[in-house]
Structure formats: C-alpha cells, structure tokens
Amino acid sequence: MTKAREIMTPGAECIGADASVLQAAQKMTELGVGALPICGTDNKLKGMLTDRDIVVKVLGAGRDPSSCSAGELAQGEAVTIGADDDAEEILRTMSEHKVRRLPVIDGHDLVGIVAQADVARSLSDPEVGDLLQALSGD
C-alpha cells in the first residue's frame, strides 16, 4: 500500500511561532504555497497556518499582520501523519479532522506535507471521491 513518504511533497519549510503573520505571508509567496507548518523555538510542530487563516483571522478581523505572530493562529494540537503511515490512514486522518494538508513526521522531524492534491494524484477515484465528500461536509 502507498505510504505517506511516497506521495508527500518533501522539504516542507516551517514558519517560526514568533514570526509575524506578514513574514509568513511573504514566505508563502516566495515558496508558492498556501500553507506553512508553524514550529516553536523547540523545533516542534505547533500547527498549520493557511492563507485563509491570514485573510479571515487577521485581515478580515482588522488586525495588523506585522504585529500578529504566526503562533497566535496555531489552534490546539497539530494533526500530523507518520512518514510510513499508509494511504488508508492518510484518508482517515484527513476525513476525521477535516483538513486538506497533513504535515508528515518521521520520528520528531518534519519531512514533508501531504496535500489533498497529492492524494488525488496518487489514489483511486473512489478513495479520492470519499475524501472530497468528507472534506466538503456533504
């Protein structure tokens, strides 16, 4: 069965929890991504920051992105997947937590991200359809 490490996008870069949301947005632009893992000073994953979080929770709320930290937007415990977890576990985790991106962890190290698009490219149509239905809430 397909493993997370086989379908993930490797080399995910973190944004520090102390970095400003503005710096995070600039890094997203530079990397051409819509989400960044948030890492603490202990190098542990604190959560994910998405472009939607920036728009809704910062800009839409009238907050200044240069004075708001990425860590302020990390909510609860980060949902992750192990590098050797199989596709069934990826689908279950994405569906259960209603997330479109999963940081991939090998031991304690962030090694990549599995996004909904990675799943769509790698798995069968019925599996992808089930995931899309679960994420859309229908």
N, C-alpha and C. Protein backbone atom coordinates (compact mmCIF):
# COMPACT_ATOMS: atom_id res chain seq x y z
N MET A 1 0.84 -1.19 0.00
CA MET A 1 0.00 0.00 0.00
C MET A 1 0.89 1.25 0.00
N THR A 2 0.40 2.30 -0.61
CA THR A 2 1.12 3.56 -0.73
C THR A 2 1.35 4.20 0.64
N LYS A 3 2.56 4.65 0.87
CA LYS A 3 2.94 5.30 2.14
C LYS A 3 2.98 6.81 1.97
N ALA A 4 2.84 7.52 3.08
CA ALA A 4 2.85 8.99 3.06
C ALA A 4 4.12 9.52 2.42
N ARG A 5 5.26 8.92 2.73
CA ARG A 5 6.53 9.43 2.19
C ARG A 5 6.61 9.31 0.67
N GLU A 6 5.79 8.42 0.08
CA GLU A 6 5.79 8.23 -1.37
C GLU A 6 4.97 9.30 -2.10
N ILE A 7 3.99 9.87 -1.43
CA ILE A 7 3.13 10.84 -2.12
C ILE A 7 3.27 12.27 -1.60
N MET A 8 4.00 12.45 -0.51
CA MET A 8 4.14 13.79 0.08
C MET A 8 4.99 14.69 -0.79
N THR A 9 4.85 15.98 -0.55
CA THR A 9 5.76 16.96 -1.11
C THR A 9 6.85 17.13 -0.06
N PRO A 10 8.09 16.75 -0.39
CA PRO A 10 9.16 16.81 0.62
C PRO A 10 9.68 18.23 0.83
N GLY A 11 10.47 18.37 1.88
CA GLY A 11 11.17 19.63 2.13
C GLY A 11 10.29 20.76 2.63
N ALA A 12 9.27 20.44 3.41
CA ALA A 12 8.39 21.49 3.94
C ALA A 12 9.19 22.44 4.82
N GLU A 13 8.94 23.72 4.66
CA GLU A 13 9.60 24.73 5.49
C GLU A 13 8.63 25.26 6.52
N CYS A 14 9.11 25.43 7.74
CA CYS A 14 8.30 25.97 8.84
C CYS A 14 8.39 27.49 8.88
N ILE A 15 7.39 28.07 9.51
CA ILE A 15 7.47 29.47 9.92
C ILE A 15 7.57 29.42 11.44
N GLY A 16 8.43 30.22 12.01
CA GLY A 16 8.57 30.23 13.46
C GLY A 16 7.32 30.78 14.13
N ALA A 17 6.98 30.24 15.28
CA ALA A 17 5.80 30.69 16.02
C ALA A 17 5.91 32.17 16.38
N ASP A 18 7.13 32.68 16.53
CA ASP A 18 7.33 34.08 16.88
C ASP A 18 7.34 35.01 15.67
N ALA A 19 7.40 34.44 14.47
CA ALA A 19 7.43 35.26 13.25
C ALA A 19 6.07 35.94 13.06
N SER A 20 6.08 37.10 12.44
CA SER A 20 4.83 37.81 12.20
C SER A 20 4.04 37.12 11.08
N VAL A 21 2.75 37.36 11.09
CA VAL A 21 1.89 36.84 10.03
C VAL A 21 2.31 37.44 8.69
N LEU A 22 2.77 38.68 8.70
CA LEU A 22 3.26 39.31 7.47
C LEU A 22 4.46 38.53 6.92
N GLN A 23 5.39 38.16 7.81
CA GLN A 23 6.55 37.36 7.37
C GLN A 23 6.08 36.01 6.82
N ALA A 24 5.09 35.42 7.45
CA ALA A 24 4.55 34.14 6.98
C ALA A 24 3.95 34.30 5.59
N ALA A 25 3.19 35.37 5.38
CA ALA A 25 2.58 35.61 4.07
C ALA A 25 3.66 35.81 3.00
N GLN A 26 4.72 36.52 3.36
CA GLN A 26 5.82 36.73 2.42
C GLN A 26 6.51 35.41 2.09
N LYS A 27 6.67 34.55 3.09
CA LYS A 27 7.30 33.24 2.86
C LYS A 27 6.40 32.37 1.99
N MET A 28 5.09 32.42 2.22
CA MET A 28 4.16 31.66 1.37
C MET A 28 4.29 32.11 -0.08
N THR A 29 4.37 33.42 -0.28
CA THR A 29 4.51 33.98 -1.63
C THR A 29 5.81 33.50 -2.27
N GLU A 30 6.90 33.59 -1.52
CA GLU A 30 8.22 33.18 -2.01
C GLU A 30 8.25 31.70 -2.39
N LEU A 31 7.60 30.86 -1.58
CA LEU A 31 7.61 29.42 -1.82
C LEU A 31 6.49 28.96 -2.75
N GLY A 32 5.52 29.83 -3.01
CA GLY A 32 4.40 29.46 -3.86
C GLY A 32 3.48 28.43 -3.22
N VAL A 33 3.25 28.57 -1.90
CA VAL A 33 2.40 27.63 -1.16
C VAL A 33 1.28 28.38 -0.46
N GLY A 34 0.24 27.65 -0.08
CA GLY A 34 -0.90 28.24 0.59
C GLY A 34 -0.97 27.92 2.07
N ALA A 35 0.05 27.21 2.57
CA ALA A 35 0.07 26.86 4.00
C ALA A 35 1.51 26.61 4.43
N LEU A 36 1.76 26.89 5.70
CA LEU A 36 3.07 26.63 6.29
C LEU A 36 2.89 25.99 7.66
N PRO A 37 3.71 25.00 7.97
CA PRO A 37 3.72 24.49 9.33
C PRO A 37 4.29 25.57 10.26
N ILE A 38 3.75 25.65 11.47
CA ILE A 38 4.25 26.58 12.48
C ILE A 38 5.10 25.78 13.44
N CYS A 39 6.38 26.18 13.61
CA CYS A 39 7.28 25.48 14.51
C CYS A 39 7.70 26.40 15.65
N GLY A 40 7.78 25.83 16.84
CA GLY A 40 8.20 26.58 18.00
C GLY A 40 9.71 26.67 18.08
N THR A 41 10.20 27.38 19.09
CA THR A 41 11.64 27.51 19.28
C THR A 41 12.27 26.16 19.62
N ASP A 42 11.45 25.21 20.09
CA ASP A 42 11.92 23.86 20.38
C ASP A 42 11.94 22.99 19.13
N ASN A 43 11.63 23.60 17.96
CA ASN A 43 11.59 22.94 16.66
C ASN A 43 10.46 21.92 16.55
N LYS A 44 9.51 21.97 17.46
CA LYS A 44 8.36 21.07 17.40
C LYS A 44 7.20 21.76 16.69
N LEU A 45 6.43 20.97 15.97
CA LEU A 45 5.30 21.47 15.22
C LEU A 45 4.21 21.97 16.16
N LYS A 46 3.75 23.19 15.93
CA LYS A 46 2.72 23.80 16.77
C LYS A 46 1.37 23.87 16.06
N GLY A 47 1.37 23.77 14.75
CA GLY A 47 0.15 23.85 13.98
C GLY A 47 0.44 24.19 12.53
N MET A 48 -0.63 24.52 11.81
CA MET A 48 -0.51 24.93 10.41
C MET A 48 -1.11 26.33 10.27
N LEU A 49 -0.52 27.11 9.42
CA LEU A 49 -1.03 28.44 9.10
C LEU A 49 -1.38 28.44 7.61
N THR A 50 -2.62 28.78 7.29
CA THR A 50 -3.04 28.80 5.89
C THR A 50 -3.28 30.23 5.43
N ASP A 51 -3.29 30.39 4.12
CA ASP A 51 -3.59 31.70 3.56
C ASP A 51 -4.99 32.14 3.98
N ARG A 52 -5.90 31.19 4.12
CA ARG A 52 -7.25 31.51 4.57
C ARG A 52 -7.24 32.03 6.01
N ASP A 53 -6.40 31.42 6.87
CA ASP A 53 -6.27 31.91 8.25
C ASP A 53 -5.86 33.38 8.26
N ILE A 54 -4.91 33.71 7.40
CA ILE A 54 -4.41 35.09 7.34
C ILE A 54 -5.53 36.04 6.93
N VAL A 55 -6.28 35.66 5.92
CA VAL A 55 -7.35 36.53 5.42
C VAL A 55 -8.47 36.67 6.45
N VAL A 56 -8.95 35.55 6.97
CA VAL A 56 -10.12 35.58 7.85
C VAL A 56 -9.78 36.05 9.26
N LYS A 57 -8.74 35.48 9.86
CA LYS A 57 -8.45 35.74 11.27
C LYS A 57 -7.61 36.98 11.52
N VAL A 58 -6.94 37.46 10.48
CA VAL A 58 -6.11 38.66 10.66
C VAL A 58 -6.68 39.83 9.86
N LEU A 59 -6.61 39.74 8.55
CA LEU A 59 -7.07 40.86 7.73
C LEU A 59 -8.56 41.13 7.91
N GLY A 60 -9.37 40.10 7.84
CA GLY A 60 -10.81 40.26 7.97
C GLY A 60 -11.23 40.74 9.35
N ALA A 61 -10.41 40.46 10.34
CA ALA A 61 -10.71 40.89 11.72
C ALA A 61 -10.10 42.26 12.02
N GLY A 62 -9.46 42.87 11.00
CA GLY A 62 -8.89 44.20 11.19
C GLY A 62 -7.60 44.22 11.99
N ARG A 63 -6.93 43.08 12.09
CA ARG A 63 -5.67 43.02 12.83
C ARG A 63 -4.50 43.37 11.91
N ASP A 64 -3.42 43.81 12.52
CA ASP A 64 -2.21 44.18 11.78
C ASP A 64 -1.34 42.93 11.61
N PRO A 65 -1.12 42.47 10.37
CA PRO A 65 -0.33 41.25 10.16
C PRO A 65 1.13 41.39 10.58
N SER A 66 1.62 42.61 10.71
CA SER A 66 3.02 42.77 11.13
C SER A 66 3.17 42.71 12.65
N SER A 67 2.06 42.81 13.38
CA SER A 67 2.17 42.74 14.84
C SER A 67 1.49 41.51 15.42
N CYS A 68 0.99 40.63 14.57
CA CYS A 68 0.34 39.38 15.00
C CYS A 68 1.31 38.24 14.69
N SER A 69 1.55 37.36 15.64
CA SER A 69 2.50 36.26 15.39
C SER A 69 1.80 35.04 14.80
N ALA A 70 2.56 34.28 14.04
CA ALA A 70 2.04 33.04 13.46
C ALA A 70 1.55 32.10 14.55
N GLY A 71 2.28 32.05 15.66
CA GLY A 71 1.92 31.17 16.77
C GLY A 71 0.57 31.49 17.38
N GLU A 72 0.14 32.74 17.30
CA GLU A 72 -1.17 33.12 17.83
C GLU A 72 -2.30 32.43 17.06
N LEU A 73 -2.03 32.02 15.83
CA LEU A 73 -3.05 31.41 14.99
C LEU A 73 -3.03 29.88 15.04
N ALA A 74 -2.02 29.31 15.72
CA ALA A 74 -1.96 27.85 15.86
C ALA A 74 -3.08 27.43 16.82
N GLN A 75 -3.89 26.49 16.38
CA GLN A 75 -5.03 26.07 17.20
C GLN A 75 -4.86 24.63 17.65
N GLY A 76 -4.86 24.43 18.96
CA GLY A 76 -4.79 23.07 19.52
C GLY A 76 -3.57 22.31 19.07
N GLU A 77 -3.66 21.01 19.13
CA GLU A 77 -2.55 20.15 18.75
C GLU A 77 -2.53 19.97 17.24
N ALA A 78 -1.35 20.00 16.66
CA ALA A 78 -1.22 19.82 15.22
C ALA A 78 -1.61 18.40 14.82
N VAL A 79 -2.37 18.29 13.74
CA VAL A 79 -2.75 16.99 13.19
C VAL A 79 -1.66 16.61 12.20
N THR A 80 -1.04 15.45 12.41
CA THR A 80 0.07 15.00 11.57
C THR A 80 -0.16 13.57 11.11
N ILE A 81 0.71 13.12 10.23
CA ILE A 81 0.72 11.74 9.76
C ILE A 81 2.18 11.27 9.78
N GLY A 82 2.38 10.00 10.09
CA GLY A 82 3.73 9.44 10.07
C GLY A 82 4.17 9.15 8.65
N ALA A 83 5.46 9.27 8.40
CA ALA A 83 6.00 9.06 7.05
C ALA A 83 5.71 7.67 6.52
N ASP A 84 5.60 6.68 7.41
CA ASP A 84 5.35 5.30 6.98
C ASP A 84 3.90 4.88 7.12
N ASP A 85 3.02 5.85 7.46
CA ASP A 85 1.59 5.54 7.51
C ASP A 85 1.09 5.33 6.09
N ASP A 86 0.12 4.44 5.95
CA ASP A 86 -0.38 4.14 4.60
C ASP A 86 -1.50 5.07 4.18
N ALA A 87 -1.87 4.92 2.92
CA ALA A 87 -2.87 5.80 2.32
C ALA A 87 -4.19 5.74 3.07
N GLU A 88 -4.56 4.59 3.55
CA GLU A 88 -5.81 4.46 4.30
C GLU A 88 -5.79 5.36 5.55
N GLU A 89 -4.65 5.40 6.23
CA GLU A 89 -4.51 6.25 7.42
C GLU A 89 -4.53 7.74 7.04
N ILE A 90 -3.94 8.08 5.90
CA ILE A 90 -3.97 9.46 5.42
C ILE A 90 -5.41 9.89 5.19
N LEU A 91 -6.16 9.06 4.48
CA LEU A 91 -7.56 9.36 4.18
C LEU A 91 -8.38 9.48 5.46
N ARG A 92 -8.17 8.54 6.38
CA ARG A 92 -8.93 8.55 7.63
C ARG A 92 -8.63 9.82 8.42
N THR A 93 -7.35 10.19 8.52
CA THR A 93 -6.95 11.36 9.31
C THR A 93 -7.47 12.65 8.68
N MET A 94 -7.34 12.78 7.36
CA MET A 94 -7.84 13.98 6.69
C MET A 94 -9.35 14.09 6.87
N SER A 95 -10.05 12.98 6.69
CA SER A 95 -11.51 12.99 6.80
C SER A 95 -11.97 13.29 8.22
N GLU A 96 -11.36 12.60 9.18
CA GLU A 96 -11.76 12.76 10.58
C GLU A 96 -11.55 14.19 11.09
N HIS A 97 -10.42 14.79 10.70
CA HIS A 97 -10.07 16.12 11.20
C HIS A 97 -10.47 17.24 10.22
N LYS A 98 -11.02 16.84 9.07
CA LYS A 98 -11.45 17.81 8.05
C LYS A 98 -10.33 18.78 7.69
N VAL A 99 -9.16 18.20 7.36
CA VAL A 99 -8.00 19.00 6.94
C VAL A 99 -7.59 18.61 5.52
N ARG A 100 -7.10 19.58 4.78
CA ARG A 100 -6.68 19.35 3.40
C ARG A 100 -5.17 19.15 3.27
N ARG A 101 -4.45 19.41 4.35
CA ARG A 101 -2.99 19.26 4.34
C ARG A 101 -2.55 18.62 5.64
N LEU A 102 -1.64 17.66 5.55
CA LEU A 102 -1.11 17.00 6.74
C LEU A 102 0.40 17.09 6.75
N PRO A 103 0.99 17.66 7.80
CA PRO A 103 2.43 17.59 7.94
C PRO A 103 2.84 16.12 8.12
N VAL A 104 3.92 15.73 7.48
CA VAL A 104 4.43 14.35 7.58
C VAL A 104 5.64 14.36 8.50
N ILE A 105 5.56 13.51 9.53
CA ILE A 105 6.59 13.45 10.55
C ILE A 105 7.32 12.11 10.46
N ASP A 106 8.64 12.15 10.55
CA ASP A 106 9.46 10.94 10.64
C ASP A 106 10.20 11.05 11.96
N GLY A 107 9.74 10.28 12.95
CA GLY A 107 10.24 10.46 14.32
C GLY A 107 9.70 11.77 14.84
N HIS A 108 10.59 12.73 15.11
CA HIS A 108 10.17 14.05 15.55
C HIS A 108 10.42 15.11 14.48
N ASP A 109 10.89 14.66 13.30
CA ASP A 109 11.28 15.60 12.25
C ASP A 109 10.19 15.77 11.20
N LEU A 110 9.93 17.02 10.84
CA LEU A 110 9.01 17.33 9.75
C LEU A 110 9.73 17.03 8.44
N VAL A 111 9.16 16.14 7.62
CA VAL A 111 9.84 15.74 6.38
C VAL A 111 9.06 16.12 5.13
N GLY A 112 7.80 16.55 5.30
CA GLY A 112 7.02 16.92 4.13
C GLY A 112 5.59 17.24 4.49
N ILE A 113 4.79 17.44 3.44
CA ILE A 113 3.37 17.72 3.59
C ILE A 113 2.62 16.84 2.58
N VAL A 114 1.55 16.22 3.04
CA VAL A 114 0.63 15.54 2.12
C VAL A 114 -0.58 16.44 1.98
N ALA A 115 -0.82 16.90 0.77
CA ALA A 115 -1.97 17.76 0.49
C ALA A 115 -3.05 16.96 -0.22
N GLN A 116 -4.24 17.50 -0.20
CA GLN A 116 -5.37 16.88 -0.89
C GLN A 116 -4.99 16.58 -2.35
N ALA A 117 -4.27 17.48 -3.01
CA ALA A 117 -3.87 17.28 -4.40
C ALA A 117 -2.93 16.08 -4.54
N ASP A 118 -2.04 15.86 -3.56
CA ASP A 118 -1.15 14.70 -3.59
C ASP A 118 -1.96 13.42 -3.54
N VAL A 119 -2.97 13.42 -2.69
CA VAL A 119 -3.85 12.26 -2.54
C VAL A 119 -4.59 12.02 -3.87
N ALA A 120 -5.11 13.08 -4.46
CA ALA A 120 -5.86 12.96 -5.70
C ALA A 120 -5.01 12.37 -6.83
N ARG A 121 -3.74 12.74 -6.86
CA ARG A 121 -2.84 12.23 -7.91
C ARG A 121 -2.44 10.78 -7.68
N SER A 122 -2.49 10.31 -6.44
CA SER A 122 -1.89 9.02 -6.11
C SER A 122 -2.86 7.88 -5.84
N LEU A 123 -4.09 8.19 -5.52
CA LEU A 123 -5.01 7.14 -5.11
C LEU A 123 -6.13 6.95 -6.12
N SER A 124 -6.92 5.89 -5.93
CA SER A 124 -8.00 5.57 -6.86
C SER A 124 -9.13 6.59 -6.77
N ASP A 125 -9.89 6.70 -7.83
CA ASP A 125 -11.01 7.64 -7.88
C ASP A 125 -12.01 7.48 -6.74
N PRO A 126 -12.43 6.24 -6.40
CA PRO A 126 -13.39 6.12 -5.29
C PRO A 126 -12.83 6.63 -3.96
N GLU A 127 -11.55 6.38 -3.69
CA GLU A 127 -10.93 6.85 -2.45
C GLU A 127 -10.88 8.38 -2.43
N VAL A 128 -10.50 8.97 -3.55
CA VAL A 128 -10.43 10.42 -3.66
C VAL A 128 -11.82 11.02 -3.51
N GLY A 129 -12.81 10.40 -4.13
CA GLY A 129 -14.18 10.88 -4.02
C GLY A 129 -14.67 10.86 -2.59
N ASP A 130 -14.36 9.79 -1.87
CA ASP A 130 -14.75 9.69 -0.46
C ASP A 130 -14.11 10.81 0.36
N LEU A 131 -12.84 11.08 0.10
CA LEU A 131 -12.14 12.14 0.82
C LEU A 131 -12.76 13.51 0.52
N LEU A 132 -13.00 13.79 -0.75
CA LEU A 132 -13.59 15.07 -1.11
C LEU A 132 -14.96 15.25 -0.47
N GLN A 133 -15.74 14.19 -0.44
CA GLN A 133 -17.06 14.28 0.19
C GLN A 133 -16.91 14.56 1.70
N ALA A 134 -15.97 13.89 2.35
CA ALA A 134 -15.77 14.09 3.79
C ALA A 134 -15.29 15.51 4.08
N LEU A 135 -14.43 16.06 3.24
CA LEU A 135 -13.90 17.39 3.48
C LEU A 135 -14.90 18.49 3.16
N SER A 136 -15.81 18.20 2.24
CA SER A 136 -16.78 19.23 1.87
C SER A 136 -17.96 19.27 2.82
N GLY A 137 -18.08 18.24 3.68
CA GLY A 137 -19.12 18.23 4.67
C GLY A 137 -20.47 17.77 4.15
N ASP A 138 -20.51 17.30 2.92
CA ASP A 138 -21.78 16.82 2.36
C ASP A 138 -22.13 15.43 2.86
